[in-house]
Amino acid sequence: MAKKKKIGLLTSGGDCQGLNAALRGVAKGLANAYEDVDFYGFTDGYRGLIECDYKMYEAEDFSGILTLGGTILGTSRQPYKQMRVVDETTSVDKVAAMKRTYQKLGLDCLVILGGNGTHKTANLLAGEGLNIVTLPKTIDNDIYGTDLTFGFYSAVDIATHVIECIHTTAFSHSRVFIVELMGHKAGWLTLYAGIGGGADVILLPEIPYDIDKIAKAISKRNDNRGKFAILAVAEGAVSKEEAKMSKKEFKAARAAMEYPSVSYRLAAELEAKTGKETRVTVPGHFQRGGSPNAYDRVFCSLLGAAAADLIVKEQFGYMVGFVKNEFVPVPLSEVAGRLKLVPADSQVITEARRLGISFGD
């Protein structure tokens, strides 16, 4: 009689569309590969693994969640920098506790769904001898080793819709509108939503902006009888002056800034330079909420099945990447600690410039 397989599942970091669809893909893939498999769903990400807080699931429990947003397992942020730090209050060694839980339950593999910080910890656990397989999750699309992360295109749909809706009020009032989108270090979401929503200016963390160049782009549009202008701005956008600062200087400058975010500062500066009434819209967490779109449902299902295949083949220590339209195993050691940023000379940027979109540089 074949040994029952025991598979741990956890979702870590910020939630996004497609987490449940990916969990379902893993569960269905394994249920079709093994006669007998138990799933241990850890509550609220790494916290559940640390505290041995879990719920038992069977393959049937993952039915009906393909279109469900968020994560049925719950999630939390457990900073990687704190993983090796023993909690002074509880004296808990987090890494030792996670290993203890894994060994106590006799898991054959732990499947982890998450973003950059999550993958750092996943790589740490793989280095400690645990069988780990991961799936790339983030609306920022900035995980190294994969062309695409799940949640990205669903978030692009939402962000694009926000920009579309802003067009009508911007036109009606002849205003400049800034739509601030998520993305601290990588501007993929803002780039794609900006193009899809018809923004006139797109500001990304990877391309420092010149406020005078932005004002010039808006004035040029007005001269061409454009009554309004739309700016898609990543929350991590920086000016050329800020880009020259050290990390310490930059943090101090932003801490002293009188505005709640860079978009509000931009609005004040542009209104003063152009004379155009300027407003800011921040959709915030709307971007990663709701149901996954059709693309992410398909992508997550296939991604989950590919993860199940790695487990069957006992190929551990890998993330399932999507490279050149194929699912491939990517070593966690190559993924952890690296970001996939928007190349300033990428073809997407080049063609967007041909469309007349300004990047403020």
Protein backbone atom coordinates (compact mmCIF):
# COMPACT_ATOMS: atom_id res chain seq x y z
CA MET A 1 0.00 0.00 0.00
CA ALA A 2 1.34 3.39 -1.02
CA LYS A 3 2.37 5.73 1.77
CA LYS A 4 -0.03 8.62 2.36
CA LYS A 5 1.45 11.91 1.16
CA LYS A 6 1.43 14.86 3.54
CA ILE A 7 1.60 18.28 1.91
CA GLY A 8 1.81 21.59 3.73
CA LEU A 9 0.35 24.74 2.17
CA LEU A 10 0.80 28.37 3.15
CA THR A 11 0.22 31.81 1.65
CA SER A 12 2.43 34.62 2.91
CA GLY A 13 2.73 38.38 2.48
CA GLY A 14 0.09 40.61 0.93
CA ASP A 15 -2.99 38.92 -0.46
CA CYS A 16 -3.90 39.15 -4.14
CA GLN A 17 -6.17 37.67 -6.75
CA GLY A 18 -5.46 34.07 -7.69
CA LEU A 19 -4.16 32.67 -4.41
CA ASN A 20 -7.13 30.35 -4.03
CA ALA A 21 -7.03 29.38 -7.69
CA ALA A 22 -3.35 28.42 -7.31
CA LEU A 23 -4.03 26.42 -4.13
CA ARG A 24 -6.79 24.62 -5.99
CA GLY A 25 -4.40 23.86 -8.87
CA VAL A 26 -1.86 22.32 -6.49
CA ALA A 27 -4.49 20.25 -4.68
CA LYS A 28 -6.15 18.95 -7.84
CA GLY A 29 -2.79 18.14 -9.41
CA LEU A 30 -1.67 16.13 -6.38
CA ALA A 31 -5.03 14.45 -5.90
CA ASN A 32 -4.82 13.14 -9.45
CA ALA A 33 -1.23 11.99 -8.96
CA TYR A 34 -1.59 10.21 -5.61
CA GLU A 35 -4.18 7.80 -4.27
CA ASP A 36 -4.02 9.25 -0.76
CA VAL A 37 -2.92 12.77 0.17
CA ASP A 38 -3.56 15.00 3.18
CA PHE A 39 -3.20 18.78 3.06
CA TYR A 40 -2.06 20.82 6.05
CA GLY A 41 -3.13 24.43 5.52
CA PHE A 42 -1.14 26.73 7.79
CA THR A 43 -3.05 29.68 9.17
CA ASP A 44 -1.81 33.16 8.29
CA GLY A 45 1.35 32.19 6.48
CA TYR A 46 4.64 31.62 8.28
CA ARG A 47 2.98 32.48 11.59
CA GLY A 48 0.97 29.28 11.36
CA LEU A 49 4.08 27.28 10.56
CA ILE A 50 5.94 28.83 13.50
CA GLU A 51 3.09 28.19 15.94
CA CYS A 52 1.98 24.85 14.43
CA ASP A 53 -1.42 26.42 13.75
CA TYR A 54 -3.04 24.57 10.88
CA LYS A 55 -6.23 23.08 9.52
CA MET A 56 -6.58 19.76 7.75
CA TYR A 57 -7.93 19.82 4.20
CA GLU A 58 -8.91 17.20 1.68
CA ALA A 59 -8.81 17.69 -2.09
CA GLU A 60 -12.57 18.27 -2.13
CA ASP A 61 -12.17 21.29 0.17
CA PHE A 62 -10.48 23.19 -2.65
CA SER A 63 -13.50 22.90 -4.95
CA GLY A 64 -15.46 26.07 -5.63
CA ILE A 65 -12.63 28.51 -4.91
CA LEU A 66 -11.34 29.11 -8.45
CA THR A 67 -13.02 32.52 -8.64
CA LEU A 68 -12.66 33.45 -4.98
CA GLY A 69 -10.38 36.38 -4.13
CA GLY A 70 -8.03 36.52 -1.14
CA THR A 71 -6.84 33.29 0.47
CA ILE A 72 -8.82 30.67 2.41
CA LEU A 73 -5.70 29.99 4.49
CA GLY A 74 -5.22 33.56 5.65
CA THR A 75 -1.94 35.43 5.35
CA SER A 76 0.39 37.73 7.27
CA ARG A 77 3.66 39.53 6.83
CA GLN A 78 6.61 37.98 8.64
CA PRO A 79 9.68 40.09 7.75
CA TYR A 80 12.62 38.03 6.56
CA LYS A 81 15.04 40.17 8.57
CA GLN A 82 13.29 38.99 11.75
CA MET A 83 13.33 35.28 10.93
CA ARG A 84 16.72 34.68 12.55
CA VAL A 85 15.93 36.97 15.49
CA VAL A 86 14.74 35.17 18.63
CA ASP A 87 11.60 36.81 20.03
CA GLU A 88 12.52 38.46 23.35
CA THR A 89 9.00 38.10 24.74
CA THR A 90 8.35 34.45 23.88
CA SER A 91 11.96 33.29 23.36
CA VAL A 92 10.82 31.62 20.15
CA ASP A 93 13.47 30.69 17.59
CA LYS A 94 11.32 31.08 14.46
CA VAL A 95 13.44 28.97 12.14
CA ALA A 96 13.76 26.17 14.67
CA ALA A 97 10.00 26.33 15.33
CA MET A 98 9.17 26.06 11.62
CA LYS A 99 11.48 23.06 11.22
CA ARG A 100 9.93 21.49 14.31
CA THR A 101 6.41 21.85 12.92
CA TYR A 102 7.45 20.38 9.56
CA GLN A 103 9.11 17.39 11.21
CA LYS A 104 6.37 16.87 13.81
CA LEU A 105 3.73 16.57 11.10
CA GLY A 106 5.95 14.42 8.91
CA LEU A 107 5.41 16.58 5.83
CA ASP A 108 6.67 15.38 2.47
CA CYS A 109 6.73 18.90 1.05
CA LEU A 110 5.75 22.45 1.95
CA VAL A 111 4.19 24.51 -0.86
CA ILE A 112 4.62 28.26 -0.35
CA LEU A 113 2.81 30.98 -2.29
CA GLY A 114 4.25 34.45 -1.95
CA GLY A 115 6.34 37.37 -3.12
CA ASN A 116 9.91 38.54 -2.63
CA GLY A 117 10.17 38.41 1.17
CA THR A 118 8.33 35.11 1.20
CA HIS A 119 10.84 33.62 -1.22
CA LYS A 120 13.78 34.69 0.94
CA THR A 121 12.34 32.71 3.85
CA ALA A 122 11.44 29.80 1.56
CA ASN A 123 15.05 29.64 0.41
CA LEU A 124 16.18 29.75 4.04
CA LEU A 125 13.94 26.77 4.88
CA ALA A 126 15.17 24.85 1.84
CA GLY A 127 18.70 25.45 3.09
CA GLU A 128 17.66 23.96 6.42
CA GLY A 129 16.75 20.70 4.69
CA LEU A 130 12.97 21.11 4.20
CA ASN A 131 11.37 20.04 0.92
CA ILE A 132 10.08 23.29 -0.53
CA VAL A 133 8.23 24.23 -3.74
CA THR A 134 7.04 27.80 -4.30
CA LEU A 135 4.70 29.72 -6.59
CA PRO A 136 5.32 33.39 -7.55
CA LYS A 137 2.61 35.69 -6.23
CA THR A 138 2.53 39.48 -6.43
CA ILE A 139 0.62 42.19 -8.26
CA ASP A 140 3.98 43.97 -8.70
CA ASN A 141 5.29 41.29 -11.12
CA ASP A 142 8.78 41.86 -9.71
CA ILE A 143 9.90 38.35 -8.73
CA TYR A 144 13.17 37.36 -10.37
CA GLY A 145 13.23 34.20 -12.48
CA THR A 146 9.74 34.41 -13.94
CA ASP A 147 8.28 36.50 -16.73
CA LEU A 148 4.97 36.71 -14.91
CA THR A 149 3.54 36.45 -11.40
CA PHE A 150 -0.06 35.62 -10.65
CA GLY A 151 -2.26 38.47 -9.51
CA PHE A 152 -0.52 40.91 -11.84
CA TYR A 153 -2.99 40.95 -14.72
CA SER A 154 -6.00 41.03 -12.39
CA ALA A 155 -4.50 44.10 -10.70
CA VAL A 156 -3.75 45.65 -14.09
CA ASP A 157 -7.45 45.25 -14.99
CA ILE A 158 -8.52 47.11 -11.84
CA ALA A 159 -5.91 49.87 -12.12
CA THR A 160 -6.75 50.35 -15.79
CA HIS A 161 -10.45 50.66 -14.96
CA VAL A 162 -9.67 53.35 -12.37
CA ILE A 163 -7.77 55.37 -14.98
CA GLU A 164 -10.63 54.90 -17.47
CA CYS A 165 -13.16 56.24 -14.95
CA ILE A 166 -10.97 59.22 -14.09
CA HIS A 167 -10.99 60.30 -17.75
CA THR A 168 -14.62 61.43 -17.62
CA THR A 169 -14.27 63.72 -14.61
CA ALA A 170 -10.87 64.99 -15.82
CA PHE A 171 -12.43 65.92 -19.15
CA SER A 172 -15.55 67.45 -17.60
CA HIS A 173 -13.56 69.74 -15.31
CA SER A 174 -10.51 70.26 -17.55
CA ARG A 175 -8.27 69.00 -14.75
CA VAL A 176 -5.01 67.17 -14.41
CA PHE A 177 -5.52 63.92 -12.54
CA ILE A 178 -2.82 61.81 -10.90
CA VAL A 179 -3.67 58.16 -10.27
CA GLU A 180 -1.24 56.68 -7.74
CA LEU A 181 -0.77 52.95 -8.20
CA MET A 182 1.04 50.31 -6.16
CA GLY A 183 4.72 49.57 -6.76
CA HIS A 184 7.44 50.74 -4.37
CA LYS A 185 10.45 49.52 -6.33
CA ALA A 186 9.10 48.10 -9.59
CA GLY A 187 6.78 49.88 -11.99
CA TRP A 188 5.30 47.01 -14.00
CA LEU A 189 1.74 47.56 -12.75
CA THR A 190 1.82 51.30 -13.37
CA LEU A 191 3.41 50.81 -16.79
CA TYR A 192 0.81 48.37 -18.09
CA ALA A 193 -2.19 50.07 -16.48
CA GLY A 194 -0.96 53.45 -17.69
CA ILE A 195 -0.77 52.23 -21.27
CA GLY A 196 -4.04 50.31 -21.02
CA GLY A 197 -5.85 53.26 -19.44
CA GLY A 198 -4.54 55.87 -21.87
CA ALA A 199 -2.40 57.89 -19.44
CA ASP A 200 -0.47 60.81 -20.89
CA VAL A 201 2.37 60.55 -18.37
CA ILE A 202 3.67 57.42 -16.62
CA LEU A 203 6.11 57.72 -13.73
CA LEU A 204 8.04 54.64 -12.58
CA PRO A 205 10.57 54.03 -9.79
CA GLU A 206 13.06 52.88 -12.43
CA ILE A 207 12.99 56.17 -14.38
CA PRO A 208 13.60 59.24 -12.16
CA TYR A 209 11.48 62.18 -13.29
CA ASP A 210 12.09 65.86 -13.94
CA ILE A 211 9.14 67.98 -12.80
CA ASP A 212 9.76 70.50 -15.57
CA LYS A 213 9.60 67.76 -18.22
CA ILE A 214 6.23 66.64 -16.85
CA ALA A 215 4.91 70.22 -16.82
CA LYS A 216 6.11 70.62 -20.41
CA ALA A 217 4.29 67.43 -21.48
CA ILE A 218 1.06 68.69 -19.91
CA SER A 219 1.40 72.13 -21.50
CA LYS A 220 2.08 70.54 -24.90
CA ARG A 221 -1.10 68.49 -24.54
CA ASN A 222 -3.06 71.63 -23.66
CA ASP A 223 -1.63 73.43 -26.69
CA ASN A 224 -2.95 70.59 -28.83
CA ARG A 225 -6.47 71.27 -27.48
CA GLY A 226 -6.27 68.61 -24.80
CA LYS A 227 -8.45 69.94 -21.99
CA PHE A 228 -7.11 67.53 -19.40
CA ALA A 229 -4.21 65.17 -18.61
CA ILE A 230 -3.88 61.86 -16.80
CA LEU A 231 -0.75 60.78 -14.94
CA ALA A 232 -0.25 57.17 -13.81
CA VAL A 233 2.26 57.36 -10.96
CA ALA A 234 3.84 54.45 -9.10
CA GLU A 235 3.93 55.01 -5.35
CA GLY A 236 7.70 54.53 -5.50
CA ALA A 237 8.32 57.19 -8.16
CA VAL A 238 11.34 59.42 -7.44
CA SER A 239 12.59 62.70 -8.81
CA LYS A 240 16.02 63.00 -10.44
CA GLU A 241 17.20 64.93 -7.39
CA GLU A 242 16.05 62.15 -5.05
CA ALA A 243 17.68 59.49 -7.23
CA LYS A 244 21.07 61.08 -6.52
CA MET A 245 20.60 60.84 -2.75
CA SER A 246 21.97 58.12 -0.51
CA LYS A 247 19.41 55.80 1.09
CA LYS A 248 19.80 57.65 4.38
CA GLU A 249 19.33 61.04 2.76
CA PHE A 250 16.34 59.84 0.77
CA LYS A 251 14.58 58.42 3.85
CA ALA A 252 15.18 61.65 5.74
CA ALA A 253 13.86 63.74 2.82
CA ARG A 254 10.71 61.65 2.50
CA ALA A 255 10.15 61.70 6.28
CA ALA A 256 10.32 65.49 6.21
CA MET A 257 8.01 65.78 3.19
CA GLU A 258 4.81 67.65 4.04
CA TYR A 259 2.70 65.55 1.69
CA PRO A 260 1.25 62.07 2.38
CA SER A 261 2.85 60.66 -0.78
CA VAL A 262 4.86 61.65 -3.83
CA SER A 263 1.66 62.05 -5.88
CA TYR A 264 0.35 64.84 -3.65
CA ARG A 265 3.69 66.61 -3.88
CA LEU A 266 3.56 66.28 -7.66
CA ALA A 267 0.04 67.68 -7.72
CA ALA A 268 1.08 70.81 -5.81
CA GLU A 269 4.17 71.33 -7.98
CA LEU A 270 2.32 70.81 -11.27
CA GLU A 271 -0.56 73.08 -10.31
CA ALA A 272 1.96 75.83 -9.53
CA LYS A 273 3.85 75.31 -12.79
CA THR A 274 0.96 74.78 -15.21
CA GLY A 275 -1.90 76.65 -13.59
CA LYS A 276 -4.07 73.59 -14.16
CA GLU A 277 -6.25 72.33 -11.32
CA THR A 278 -4.69 69.02 -10.26
CA ARG A 279 -6.23 66.19 -8.22
CA VAL A 280 -5.01 62.85 -6.87
CA THR A 281 -6.77 59.48 -6.77
CA VAL A 282 -5.31 56.56 -4.80
CA PRO A 283 -7.12 53.23 -5.40
CA GLY A 284 -4.82 51.49 -2.89
CA HIS A 285 -5.83 47.98 -1.86
CA PHE A 286 -8.62 47.86 -4.44
CA GLN A 287 -5.86 46.85 -6.84
CA ARG A 288 -5.28 43.50 -5.19
CA GLY A 289 -8.85 42.74 -4.17
CA GLY A 290 -11.75 40.90 -5.73
CA SER A 291 -11.83 37.88 -8.02
CA PRO A 292 -8.99 36.90 -10.33
CA ASN A 293 -9.63 37.66 -13.98
CA ALA A 294 -9.89 34.87 -16.56
CA TYR A 295 -6.18 35.03 -17.40
CA ASP A 296 -5.13 34.58 -13.78
CA ARG A 297 -7.61 31.74 -13.29
CA VAL A 298 -6.02 29.85 -16.15
CA PHE A 299 -2.47 30.83 -15.17
CA CYS A 300 -2.91 29.86 -11.51
CA SER A 301 -4.51 26.54 -12.36
CA LEU A 302 -1.64 25.57 -14.65
CA LEU A 303 0.96 26.97 -12.26
CA GLY A 304 -0.48 24.86 -9.44
CA ALA A 305 -0.48 21.76 -11.62
CA ALA A 306 3.18 22.42 -12.52
CA ALA A 307 4.01 22.70 -8.81
CA ALA A 308 2.30 19.34 -8.22
CA ASP A 309 4.45 17.84 -10.97
CA LEU A 310 7.63 19.03 -9.22
CA ILE A 311 6.46 17.38 -6.01
CA VAL A 312 5.72 14.09 -7.77
CA LYS A 313 9.20 14.20 -9.32
CA GLU A 314 10.68 15.15 -5.92
CA GLN A 315 12.29 18.24 -7.39
CA PHE A 316 12.47 20.38 -4.28
CA GLY A 317 14.07 23.74 -3.65
CA TYR A 318 12.48 25.31 -6.71
CA MET A 319 10.00 28.01 -7.64
CA VAL A 320 7.69 27.33 -10.56
CA GLY A 321 8.63 30.08 -13.02
CA PHE A 322 6.96 31.07 -16.27
CA VAL A 323 9.66 31.78 -18.87
CA LYS A 324 9.05 32.21 -22.60
CA ASN A 325 5.56 30.74 -22.23
CA GLU A 326 6.75 27.61 -20.45
CA PHE A 327 6.58 26.52 -16.80
CA VAL A 328 10.10 25.86 -15.57
CA PRO A 329 11.71 25.05 -12.21
CA VAL A 330 13.87 27.95 -10.99
CA PRO A 331 16.27 27.35 -8.06
CA LEU A 332 15.18 29.28 -4.97
CA SER A 333 18.79 30.34 -4.47
CA GLU A 334 18.53 32.29 -7.74
CA VAL A 335 15.20 33.90 -6.85
CA ALA A 336 15.74 34.96 -3.23
CA GLY A 337 16.89 38.51 -2.66
CA ARG A 338 16.62 39.64 -6.29
CA LEU A 339 14.08 41.93 -7.95
CA LYS A 340 12.89 42.03 -11.54
CA LEU A 341 12.70 45.72 -12.40
CA VAL A 342 11.43 47.44 -15.54
CA PRO A 343 14.43 48.00 -17.84
CA ALA A 344 14.51 51.67 -18.86
CA ASP A 345 15.42 50.59 -22.40
CA SER A 346 12.80 47.84 -22.67
CA GLN A 347 10.74 47.58 -25.83
CA VAL A 348 7.56 48.32 -23.88
CA ILE A 349 9.01 51.68 -22.78
CA THR A 350 10.32 52.39 -26.27
CA GLU A 351 6.97 51.73 -27.96
CA ALA A 352 5.08 53.65 -25.28
CA ARG A 353 7.26 56.67 -26.05
CA ARG A 354 6.30 56.30 -29.72
CA LEU A 355 2.68 56.63 -28.62
CA GLY A 356 3.55 60.01 -27.16
CA ILE A 357 3.56 58.91 -23.54
CA SER A 358 5.96 60.90 -21.36
CA PHE A 359 8.00 59.20 -18.63
CA GLY A 360 9.02 62.50 -17.11
CA ASP A 361 12.66 62.18 -18.12
